[in-house]
């Protein structure tokens, strides 16, 4: 079976934890933040799990 290349765009966006879970940043924190409330900014902080429906596809893109 041939080797497959890791999808570099996905690799930059998703991290794999020690237990094998997939973590990602929340969308909507890059720009136009001054019009958003502080409440929204805090809600978007940190990382979250990749949606369960997307996990098989993302794992395949990461070569796992």
PDB file of N, CA and C in Angstrom:
ATOM      1  N   UNK A   1       0.847  -1.183   0.000  1.00  0.00           N
ATOM      2  CA  UNK A   1       0.000   0.000   0.000  1.00  0.00           C
ATOM      3  C   UNK A   1       0.890   1.243   0.000  1.00  0.00           C
ATOM      4  N   UNK A   2       0.616   2.205  -0.893  1.00  0.00           N
ATOM      5  CA  UNK A   2       1.487   3.381  -0.965  1.00  0.00           C
ATOM      6  C   UNK A   2       1.269   4.315   0.210  1.00  0.00           C
ATOM      7  N   UNK A   3       2.308   5.072   0.505  1.00  0.00           N
ATOM      8  CA  UNK A   3       2.190   6.087   1.551  1.00  0.00           C
ATOM      9  C   UNK A   3       1.317   7.225   1.051  1.00  0.00           C
ATOM     10  N   UNK A   4       0.655   7.900   2.003  1.00  0.00           N
ATOM     11  CA  UNK A   4      -0.174   9.045   1.655  1.00  0.00           C
ATOM     12  C   UNK A   4       0.376  10.281   2.333  1.00  0.00           C
ATOM     13  N   UNK A   5       0.276  11.405   1.642  1.00  0.00           N
ATOM     14  CA  UNK A   5       0.754  12.659   2.225  1.00  0.00           C
ATOM     15  C   UNK A   5      -0.307  13.222   3.169  1.00  0.00           C
ATOM     16  N   UNK A   6       0.162  13.815   4.256  1.00  0.00           N
ATOM     17  CA  UNK A   6      -0.721  14.522   5.167  1.00  0.00           C
ATOM     18  C   UNK A   6      -1.259  15.764   4.466  1.00  0.00           C
ATOM     19  N   UNK A   7      -2.532  16.058   4.657  1.00  0.00           N
ATOM     20  CA  UNK A   7      -3.131  17.279   4.107  1.00  0.00           C
ATOM     21  C   UNK A   7      -2.660  18.446   4.965  1.00  0.00           C
ATOM     22  N   UNK A   8      -1.757  19.270   4.415  1.00  0.00           N
ATOM     23  CA  UNK A   8      -1.090  20.282   5.225  1.00  0.00           C
ATOM     24  C   UNK A   8      -2.050  21.347   5.734  1.00  0.00           C
ATOM     25  N   UNK A   9      -3.105  21.658   4.970  1.00  0.00           N
ATOM     26  CA  UNK A   9      -4.084  22.639   5.427  1.00  0.00           C
ATOM     27  C   UNK A   9      -4.812  22.161   6.672  1.00  0.00           C
ATOM     28  N   UNK A  10      -5.160  20.874   6.708  1.00  0.00           N
ATOM     29  CA  UNK A  10      -5.822  20.307   7.880  1.00  0.00           C
ATOM     30  C   UNK A  10      -4.854  20.210   9.039  1.00  0.00           C
ATOM     31  N   UNK A  11      -3.608  19.851   8.756  1.00  0.00           N
ATOM     32  CA  UNK A  11      -2.612  19.697   9.816  1.00  0.00           C
ATOM     33  C   UNK A  11      -2.366  21.014  10.547  1.00  0.00           C
ATOM     34  N   UNK A  12      -2.502  22.147   9.826  1.00  0.00           N
ATOM     35  CA  UNK A  12      -2.302  23.445  10.456  1.00  0.00           C
ATOM     36  C   UNK A  12      -3.477  23.831  11.345  1.00  0.00           C
ATOM     37  N   UNK A  13      -4.634  23.247  11.106  1.00  0.00           N
ATOM     38  CA  UNK A  13      -5.851  23.657  11.806  1.00  0.00           C
ATOM     39  C   UNK A  13      -6.264  22.734  12.935  1.00  0.00           C
ATOM     40  N   UNK A  14      -5.807  21.497  12.920  1.00  0.00           N
ATOM     41  CA  UNK A  14      -6.281  20.487  13.874  1.00  0.00           C
ATOM     42  C   UNK A  14      -5.096  19.877  14.604  1.00  0.00           C
ATOM     43  N   UNK A  15      -5.249  19.693  15.924  1.00  0.00           N
ATOM     44  CA  UNK A  15      -4.231  19.040  16.738  1.00  0.00           C
ATOM     45  C   UNK A  15      -4.802  17.748  17.292  1.00  0.00           C
ATOM     46  N   UNK A  16      -3.961  16.726  17.400  1.00  0.00           N
ATOM     47  CA  UNK A  16      -4.376  15.455  17.970  1.00  0.00           C
ATOM     48  C   UNK A  16      -3.867  15.386  19.402  1.00  0.00           C
ATOM     49  N   UNK A  17      -4.759  15.092  20.352  1.00  0.00           N
ATOM     50  CA  UNK A  17      -4.376  15.004  21.756  1.00  0.00           C
ATOM     51  C   UNK A  17      -3.695  13.672  22.026  1.00  0.00           C
ATOM     52  N   UNK A  18      -3.184  13.527  23.212  1.00  0.00           N
ATOM     53  CA  UNK A  18      -2.518  12.287  23.590  1.00  0.00           C
ATOM     54  C   UNK A  18      -3.449  11.093  23.545  1.00  0.00           C
ATOM     55  N   UNK A  19      -4.736  11.324  23.840  1.00  0.00           N
ATOM     56  CA  UNK A  19      -5.706  10.225  23.833  1.00  0.00           C
ATOM     57  C   UNK A  19      -6.284   9.993  22.440  1.00  0.00           C
ATOM     58  N   UNK A  20      -5.879  10.810  21.455  1.00  0.00           N
ATOM     59  CA  UNK A  20      -6.331  10.596  20.082  1.00  0.00           C
ATOM     60  C   UNK A  20      -7.501  11.456  19.657  1.00  0.00           C
ATOM     61  N   UNK A  21      -7.983  12.336  20.539  1.00  0.00           N
ATOM     62  CA  UNK A  21      -9.075  13.228  20.156  1.00  0.00           C
ATOM     63  C   UNK A  21      -8.547  14.327  19.237  1.00  0.00           C
ATOM     64  N   UNK A  22      -9.449  14.910  18.460  1.00  0.00           N
ATOM     65  CA  UNK A  22      -9.093  15.989  17.545  1.00  0.00           C
ATOM     66  C   UNK A  22      -9.605  17.305  18.118  1.00  0.00           C
ATOM     67  N   UNK A  23      -8.728  18.288  18.215  1.00  0.00           N
ATOM     68  CA  UNK A  23      -9.087  19.604  18.749  1.00  0.00           C
ATOM     69  C   UNK A  23      -8.865  20.666  17.683  1.00  0.00           C
ATOM     70  N   UNK A  24      -9.723  21.688  17.680  1.00  0.00           N
ATOM     71  CA  UNK A  24      -9.620  22.772  16.703  1.00  0.00           C
ATOM     72  C   UNK A  24      -9.926  24.090  17.385  1.00  0.00           C
ATOM     73  N   UNK A  25      -9.486  25.189  16.740  1.00  0.00           N
ATOM     74  CA  UNK A  25      -9.842  26.523  17.204  1.00  0.00           C
ATOM     75  C   UNK A  25     -11.262  26.829  16.749  1.00  0.00           C
ATOM     76  N   UNK A  26     -11.946  27.718  17.462  1.00  0.00           N
ATOM     77  CA  UNK A  26     -13.277  28.139  17.057  1.00  0.00           C
ATOM     78  C   UNK A  26     -13.168  29.183  15.942  1.00  0.00           C
ATOM     79  N   UNK A  27     -14.146  29.179  15.055  1.00  0.00           N
ATOM     80  CA  UNK A  27     -14.172  30.145  13.955  1.00  0.00           C
ATOM     81  C   UNK A  27     -14.641  31.501  14.461  1.00  0.00           C
ATOM     82  N   UNK A  28     -14.217  32.552  13.779  1.00  0.00           N
ATOM     83  CA  UNK A  28     -14.740  33.877  14.056  1.00  0.00           C
ATOM     84  C   UNK A  28     -13.909  34.709  15.011  1.00  0.00           C
ATOM     85  N   UNK A  29     -12.616  34.373  15.190  1.00  0.00           N
ATOM     86  CA  UNK A  29     -11.765  35.136  16.114  1.00  0.00           C
ATOM     87  C   UNK A  29     -10.662  35.905  15.402  1.00  0.00           C
ATOM     88  N   UNK A  30     -10.662  35.935  14.085  1.00  0.00           N
ATOM     89  CA  UNK A  30      -9.514  36.475  13.357  1.00  0.00           C
ATOM     90  C   UNK A  30      -9.557  37.983  13.186  1.00  0.00           C
ATOM     91  N   UNK A  31     -10.705  38.516  12.763  1.00  0.00           N
ATOM     92  CA  UNK A  31     -10.772  39.955  12.503  1.00  0.00           C
ATOM     93  C   UNK A  31     -12.203  40.418  12.725  1.00  0.00           C
ATOM     94  N   UNK A  32     -12.427  41.734  12.615  1.00  0.00           N
ATOM     95  CA  UNK A  32     -13.724  42.352  12.884  1.00  0.00           C
ATOM     96  C   UNK A  32     -14.177  42.077  14.317  1.00  0.00           C
ATOM     97  N   UNK A  33     -13.207  42.028  15.249  1.00  0.00           N
ATOM     98  CA  UNK A  33     -13.531  41.686  16.630  1.00  0.00           C
ATOM     99  C   UNK A  33     -14.073  42.876  17.409  1.00  0.00           C
ATOM    100  N   UNK A  34     -13.777  44.115  16.978  1.00  0.00           N
ATOM    101  CA  UNK A  34     -14.173  45.263  17.788  1.00  0.00           C
ATOM    102  C   UNK A  34     -15.685  45.459  17.788  1.00  0.00           C
ATOM    103  N   UNK A  35     -16.378  44.944  16.795  1.00  0.00           N
ATOM    104  CA  UNK A  35     -17.835  45.075  16.796  1.00  0.00           C
ATOM    105  C   UNK A  35     -18.504  43.953  17.576  1.00  0.00           C
ATOM    106  N   UNK A  36     -17.762  42.910  17.915  1.00  0.00           N
ATOM    107  CA  UNK A  36     -18.334  41.822  18.712  1.00  0.00           C
ATOM    108  C   UNK A  36     -18.252  42.163  20.188  1.00  0.00           C
ATOM    109  N   UNK A  37     -19.218  41.658  20.942  1.00  0.00           N
ATOM    110  CA  UNK A  37     -19.233  41.918  22.375  1.00  0.00           C
ATOM    111  C   UNK A  37     -18.159  41.089  23.062  1.00  0.00           C
ATOM    112  N   UNK A  38     -17.792  41.508  24.265  1.00  0.00           N
ATOM    113  CA  UNK A  38     -16.819  40.762  25.050  1.00  0.00           C
ATOM    114  C   UNK A  38     -17.332  39.372  25.364  1.00  0.00           C
ATOM    115  N   UNK A  39     -18.639  39.264  25.529  1.00  0.00           N
ATOM    116  CA  UNK A  39     -19.261  37.971  25.812  1.00  0.00           C
ATOM    117  C   UNK A  39     -18.995  36.985  24.671  1.00  0.00           C
ATOM    118  N   UNK A  40     -19.143  37.466  23.440  1.00  0.00           N
ATOM    119  CA  UNK A  40     -18.895  36.621  22.275  1.00  0.00           C
ATOM    120  C   UNK A  40     -17.414  36.265  22.199  1.00  0.00           C
ATOM    121  N   UNK A  41     -16.532  37.242  22.451  1.00  0.00           N
ATOM    122  CA  UNK A  41     -15.092  37.000  22.395  1.00  0.00           C
ATOM    123  C   UNK A  41     -14.688  35.903  23.366  1.00  0.00           C
ATOM    124  N   UNK A  42     -15.221  35.956  24.570  1.00  0.00           N
ATOM    125  CA  UNK A  42     -14.886  34.938  25.567  1.00  0.00           C
ATOM    126  C   UNK A  42     -15.432  33.573  25.168  1.00  0.00           C
ATOM    127  N   UNK A  43     -16.610  33.549  24.569  1.00  0.00           N
ATOM    128  CA  UNK A  43     -17.203  32.266  24.154  1.00  0.00           C
ATOM    129  C   UNK A  43     -16.353  31.591  23.079  1.00  0.00           C
ATOM    130  N   UNK A  44     -15.680  32.400  22.265  1.00  0.00           N
ATOM    131  CA  UNK A  44     -14.881  31.852  21.170  1.00  0.00           C
ATOM    132  C   UNK A  44     -13.463  31.493  21.591  1.00  0.00           C
ATOM    133  N   UNK A  45     -13.088  31.721  22.847  1.00  0.00           N
ATOM    134  CA  UNK A  45     -11.730  31.420  23.295  1.00  0.00           C
ATOM    135  C   UNK A  45     -11.485  29.917  23.341  1.00  0.00           C
ATOM    136  N   UNK A  46     -10.201  29.572  23.255  1.00  0.00           N
ATOM    137  CA  UNK A  46      -9.795  28.196  23.491  1.00  0.00           C
ATOM    138  C   UNK A  46     -10.099  27.268  22.330  1.00  0.00           C
ATOM    139  N   UNK A  47      -9.983  25.981  22.600  1.00  0.00           N
ATOM    140  CA  UNK A  47     -10.192  24.973  21.569  1.00  0.00           C
ATOM    141  C   UNK A  47     -11.440  24.167  21.885  1.00  0.00           C
ATOM    142  N   UNK A  48     -11.919  23.466  20.871  1.00  0.00           N
ATOM    143  CA  UNK A  48     -13.090  22.609  21.025  1.00  0.00           C
ATOM    144  C   UNK A  48     -12.864  21.344  20.204  1.00  0.00           C
ATOM    145  N   UNK A  49     -13.661  20.328  20.466  1.00  0.00           N
ATOM    146  CA  UNK A  49     -13.537  19.074  19.722  1.00  0.00           C
ATOM    147  C   UNK A  49     -14.051  19.254  18.299  1.00  0.00           C
ATOM    148  N   UNK A  50     -13.476  18.484  17.377  1.00  0.00           N
ATOM    149  CA  UNK A  50     -14.007  18.419  16.023  1.00  0.00           C
ATOM    150  C   UNK A  50     -15.342  17.680  16.097  1.00  0.00           C
ATOM    151  N   UNK A  51     -16.324  18.118  15.315  1.00  0.00           N
ATOM    152  CA  UNK A  51     -17.645  17.490  15.320  1.00  0.00           C
ATOM    153  C   UNK A  51     -17.534  15.999  15.010  1.00  0.00           C
ATOM    154  N   UNK A  52     -18.367  15.220  15.673  1.00  0.00           N
ATOM    155  CA  UNK A  52     -18.296  13.765  15.550  1.00  0.00           C
ATOM    156  C   UNK A  52     -18.448  13.301  14.102  1.00  0.00           C
ATOM    157  N   UNK A  53     -19.309  13.985  13.348  1.00  0.00           N
ATOM    158  CA  UNK A  53     -19.538  13.612  11.955  1.00  0.00           C
ATOM    159  C   UNK A  53     -18.313  13.874  11.087  1.00  0.00           C
ATOM    160  N   UNK A  54     -17.454  14.816  11.497  1.00  0.00           N
ATOM    161  CA  UNK A  54     -16.285  15.182  10.695  1.00  0.00           C
ATOM    162  C   UNK A  54     -15.029  14.399  11.071  1.00  0.00           C
ATOM    163  N   UNK A  55     -15.051  13.690  12.203  1.00  0.00           N
ATOM    164  CA  UNK A  55     -13.837  13.036  12.701  1.00  0.00           C
ATOM    165  C   UNK A  55     -13.259  12.048  11.694  1.00  0.00           C
ATOM    166  N   UNK A  56     -14.054  11.132  11.082  1.00  0.00           N
ATOM    167  CA  UNK A  56     -13.445  10.185  10.129  1.00  0.00           C
ATOM    168  C   UNK A  56     -12.759  10.873   8.959  1.00  0.00           C
ATOM    169  N   UNK A  57     -13.378  11.949   8.429  1.00  0.00           N
ATOM    170  CA  UNK A  57     -12.789  12.659   7.294  1.00  0.00           C
ATOM    171  C   UNK A  57     -11.499  13.350   7.690  1.00  0.00           C
ATOM    172  N   UNK A  58     -11.499  14.009   8.853  1.00  0.00           N
ATOM    173  CA  UNK A  58     -10.296  14.733   9.292  1.00  0.00           C
ATOM    174  C   UNK A  58      -9.179  13.743   9.591  1.00  0.00           C
ATOM    175  N   UNK A  59      -9.498  12.620  10.207  1.00  0.00           N
ATOM    176  CA  UNK A  59      -8.456  11.618  10.471  1.00  0.00           C
ATOM    177  C   UNK A  59      -7.843  11.113   9.180  1.00  0.00           C
ATOM    178  N   UNK A  60      -8.669  10.930   8.160  1.00  0.00           N
ATOM    179  CA  UNK A  60      -8.138  10.469   6.883  1.00  0.00           C
ATOM    180  C   UNK A  60      -7.232  11.526   6.267  1.00  0.00           C
ATOM    181  N   UNK A  61      -7.613  12.800   6.398  1.00  0.00           N
ATOM    182  CA  UNK A  61      -6.778  13.880   5.866  1.00  0.00           C
ATOM    183  C   UNK A  61      -5.441  13.965   6.602  1.00  0.00           C
ATOM    184  N   UNK A  62      -5.444  13.588   7.898  1.00  0.00           N
ATOM    185  CA  UNK A  62      -4.216  13.641   8.684  1.00  0.00           C
ATOM    186  C   UNK A  62      -3.390  12.368   8.546  1.00  0.00           C
ATOM    187  N   UNK A  63      -3.910  11.389   7.818  1.00  0.00           N
ATOM    188  CA  UNK A  63      -3.170  10.151   7.621  1.00  0.00           C
ATOM    189  C   UNK A  63      -3.207   9.239   8.828  1.00  0.00           C
ATOM    190  N   UNK A  64      -4.313   9.255   9.590  1.00  0.00           N
ATOM    191  CA  UNK A  64      -4.443   8.409  10.771  1.00  0.00           C
ATOM    192  C   UNK A  64      -5.476   7.322  10.542  1.00  0.00           C
TER     193      UNK A  64
END
